[in-house]
Amino acid sequence: MREEFTSTTALLGTYDPGRAQIIGEQGLAAGFWTSFEVRMGDIGDDLIITYIPLRRKNRRIRSLRAVS
């Protein structure tokens, strides 16, 4: 049986003017998300991304602890 993947759209954050566009382009080129949109505002630019969440069967989650 073939697994279906559903994309998710979310606000990644608000950045200094011009910075959201750069982050969006770099994330797209790296394959972290499938598309992005920048909405300019008074306080900064919102970066909205669309991505496909990574799903793995039998995935183990380990706790990470900081090493000092």
N, C-alpha and C. Protein backbone atom coordinates (compact mmCIF):
# COMPACT_ATOMS: atom_id res chain seq x y z
N MET A 1 0.83 -1.18 0.00
CA MET A 1 0.00 0.00 0.00
C MET A 1 0.88 1.25 0.00
N ARG A 2 0.56 2.18 -0.83
CA ARG A 2 1.34 3.41 -0.97
C ARG A 2 0.91 4.45 0.06
N GLU A 3 1.89 5.05 0.73
CA GLU A 3 1.58 6.05 1.75
C GLU A 3 1.40 7.42 1.09
N GLU A 4 0.35 8.11 1.48
CA GLU A 4 0.07 9.45 0.97
C GLU A 4 0.74 10.49 1.87
N PHE A 5 1.30 11.50 1.29
CA PHE A 5 1.91 12.57 2.04
C PHE A 5 1.08 13.84 1.87
N THR A 6 0.82 14.51 2.96
CA THR A 6 0.04 15.73 2.95
C THR A 6 0.93 16.90 3.30
N SER A 7 0.84 17.96 2.54
CA SER A 7 1.66 19.13 2.83
C SER A 7 1.02 19.96 3.94
N THR A 8 1.86 20.70 4.62
CA THR A 8 1.44 21.56 5.73
C THR A 8 1.96 22.97 5.47
N THR A 9 1.15 23.97 5.73
CA THR A 9 1.55 25.37 5.58
C THR A 9 1.54 26.01 6.96
N ALA A 10 2.62 26.73 7.28
CA ALA A 10 2.73 27.34 8.60
C ALA A 10 3.59 28.59 8.55
N LEU A 11 3.36 29.46 9.51
CA LEU A 11 4.20 30.65 9.68
C LEU A 11 5.48 30.21 10.36
N LEU A 12 6.61 30.44 9.70
CA LEU A 12 7.89 30.08 10.29
C LEU A 12 8.37 31.15 11.25
N GLY A 13 8.11 32.42 10.93
CA GLY A 13 8.51 33.50 11.82
C GLY A 13 8.44 34.85 11.15
N THR A 14 8.74 35.89 11.94
CA THR A 14 8.79 37.26 11.44
C THR A 14 10.23 37.72 11.50
N TYR A 15 10.71 38.26 10.40
CA TYR A 15 12.13 38.61 10.27
C TYR A 15 12.28 40.07 9.84
N ASP A 16 13.49 40.58 9.97
CA ASP A 16 13.80 41.93 9.50
C ASP A 16 13.46 42.05 8.02
N PRO A 17 13.09 43.24 7.58
CA PRO A 17 12.74 43.44 6.17
C PRO A 17 13.84 42.91 5.23
N GLY A 18 13.43 42.10 4.26
CA GLY A 18 14.35 41.53 3.29
C GLY A 18 14.93 40.19 3.70
N ARG A 19 15.00 39.93 4.99
CA ARG A 19 15.62 38.69 5.49
C ARG A 19 14.74 37.46 5.22
N ALA A 20 13.42 37.60 5.32
CA ALA A 20 12.52 36.47 5.09
C ALA A 20 12.65 35.92 3.67
N GLN A 21 12.83 36.79 2.69
CA GLN A 21 12.99 36.36 1.31
C GLN A 21 14.25 35.51 1.16
N ILE A 22 15.34 35.92 1.77
CA ILE A 22 16.60 35.19 1.69
C ILE A 22 16.47 33.82 2.35
N ILE A 23 15.88 33.79 3.54
CA ILE A 23 15.69 32.52 4.25
C ILE A 23 14.79 31.60 3.44
N GLY A 24 13.71 32.15 2.87
CA GLY A 24 12.79 31.36 2.06
C GLY A 24 13.48 30.73 0.86
N GLU A 25 14.27 31.50 0.16
CA GLU A 25 14.99 31.00 -1.02
C GLU A 25 16.00 29.92 -0.63
N GLN A 26 16.71 30.13 0.46
CA GLN A 26 17.72 29.16 0.89
C GLN A 26 17.07 27.85 1.34
N GLY A 27 15.96 27.94 2.08
CA GLY A 27 15.26 26.73 2.51
C GLY A 27 14.68 25.95 1.35
N LEU A 28 14.19 26.66 0.34
CA LEU A 28 13.66 26.02 -0.86
C LEU A 28 14.78 25.32 -1.63
N ALA A 29 15.91 25.99 -1.78
CA ALA A 29 17.05 25.40 -2.50
C ALA A 29 17.60 24.18 -1.76
N ALA A 30 17.54 24.19 -0.43
CA ALA A 30 18.04 23.07 0.36
C ALA A 30 17.03 21.93 0.46
N GLY A 31 15.79 22.17 0.03
CA GLY A 31 14.77 21.14 0.05
C GLY A 31 14.05 21.00 1.37
N PHE A 32 14.16 22.00 2.24
CA PHE A 32 13.47 21.94 3.53
C PHE A 32 11.97 22.17 3.39
N TRP A 33 11.55 22.96 2.41
CA TRP A 33 10.14 23.18 2.14
C TRP A 33 9.89 23.19 0.65
N THR A 34 8.62 23.05 0.28
CA THR A 34 8.27 22.94 -1.14
C THR A 34 7.91 24.28 -1.76
N SER A 35 7.49 25.24 -0.93
CA SER A 35 7.22 26.59 -1.41
C SER A 35 7.23 27.54 -0.22
N PHE A 36 7.29 28.83 -0.52
CA PHE A 36 7.25 29.83 0.54
C PHE A 36 6.61 31.10 0.04
N GLU A 37 6.17 31.92 0.99
CA GLU A 37 5.57 33.21 0.68
C GLU A 37 6.04 34.21 1.72
N VAL A 38 6.30 35.42 1.29
CA VAL A 38 6.70 36.49 2.20
C VAL A 38 5.61 37.54 2.21
N ARG A 39 5.15 37.88 3.42
CA ARG A 39 4.16 38.94 3.58
C ARG A 39 4.82 40.08 4.34
N MET A 40 4.87 41.22 3.70
CA MET A 40 5.52 42.37 4.31
C MET A 40 4.58 43.05 5.30
N GLY A 41 5.14 43.44 6.43
CA GLY A 41 4.34 44.11 7.46
C GLY A 41 5.10 45.30 8.03
N ASP A 42 4.46 45.97 8.98
CA ASP A 42 5.07 47.14 9.61
C ASP A 42 6.24 46.77 10.52
N ILE A 43 6.11 45.67 11.21
CA ILE A 43 7.14 45.25 12.16
C ILE A 43 8.26 44.47 11.46
N GLY A 44 7.92 43.69 10.47
CA GLY A 44 8.90 42.87 9.75
C GLY A 44 8.18 42.06 8.69
N ASP A 45 8.89 41.13 8.09
CA ASP A 45 8.33 40.29 7.04
C ASP A 45 8.02 38.90 7.61
N ASP A 46 6.81 38.42 7.36
CA ASP A 46 6.42 37.08 7.78
C ASP A 46 6.84 36.09 6.71
N LEU A 47 7.42 34.98 7.13
CA LEU A 47 7.80 33.91 6.22
C LEU A 47 6.85 32.74 6.44
N ILE A 48 6.08 32.42 5.41
CA ILE A 48 5.12 31.33 5.45
C ILE A 48 5.64 30.24 4.53
N ILE A 49 5.77 29.03 5.07
CA ILE A 49 6.33 27.93 4.29
C ILE A 49 5.32 26.81 4.13
N THR A 50 5.48 26.04 3.06
CA THR A 50 4.71 24.82 2.85
C THR A 50 5.72 23.69 2.76
N TYR A 51 5.48 22.65 3.56
CA TYR A 51 6.41 21.53 3.61
C TYR A 51 5.65 20.22 3.77
N ILE A 52 6.35 19.12 3.55
CA ILE A 52 5.78 17.80 3.76
C ILE A 52 6.49 17.22 4.99
N PRO A 53 5.75 16.99 6.08
CA PRO A 53 6.38 16.47 7.30
C PRO A 53 7.03 15.12 7.04
N LEU A 54 8.17 14.91 7.66
CA LEU A 54 8.90 13.65 7.54
C LEU A 54 8.21 12.61 8.39
N ARG A 55 7.89 11.49 7.79
CA ARG A 55 7.24 10.39 8.52
C ARG A 55 8.05 9.13 8.30
N ARG A 56 8.38 8.49 9.39
CA ARG A 56 9.11 7.22 9.32
C ARG A 56 8.39 6.21 10.19
N LYS A 57 8.32 4.99 9.72
CA LYS A 57 7.72 3.92 10.51
C LYS A 57 8.73 3.47 11.57
N ASN A 58 8.20 3.11 12.72
CA ASN A 58 9.02 2.62 13.83
C ASN A 58 10.15 3.57 14.20
N ARG A 59 9.86 4.84 14.21
CA ARG A 59 10.87 5.85 14.54
C ARG A 59 11.05 5.93 16.05
N ARG A 60 12.28 5.84 16.47
CA ARG A 60 12.58 5.98 17.88
C ARG A 60 12.97 7.42 18.16
N ILE A 61 12.47 7.92 19.26
CA ILE A 61 12.80 9.29 19.65
C ILE A 61 13.72 9.21 20.85
N ARG A 62 14.87 9.80 20.71
CA ARG A 62 15.83 9.83 21.81
C ARG A 62 15.89 11.23 22.37
N SER A 63 16.08 11.29 23.65
CA SER A 63 16.23 12.61 24.26
C SER A 63 17.67 13.08 24.05
N LEU A 64 17.79 14.35 23.78
CA LEU A 64 19.10 14.94 23.59
C LEU A 64 19.46 15.75 24.83
N ARG A 65 20.66 15.65 25.25
CA ARG A 65 21.07 16.46 26.39
C ARG A 65 22.31 17.22 26.02
N ALA A 66 22.40 18.40 26.53
CA ALA A 66 23.53 19.28 26.22
C ALA A 66 24.78 18.75 26.93
N VAL A 67 25.85 18.79 26.20
CA VAL A 67 27.13 18.38 26.77
C VAL A 67 27.91 19.65 27.06
N SER A 68 28.31 19.80 28.30
CA SER A 68 29.03 21.03 28.65
C SER A 68 30.52 20.78 28.70
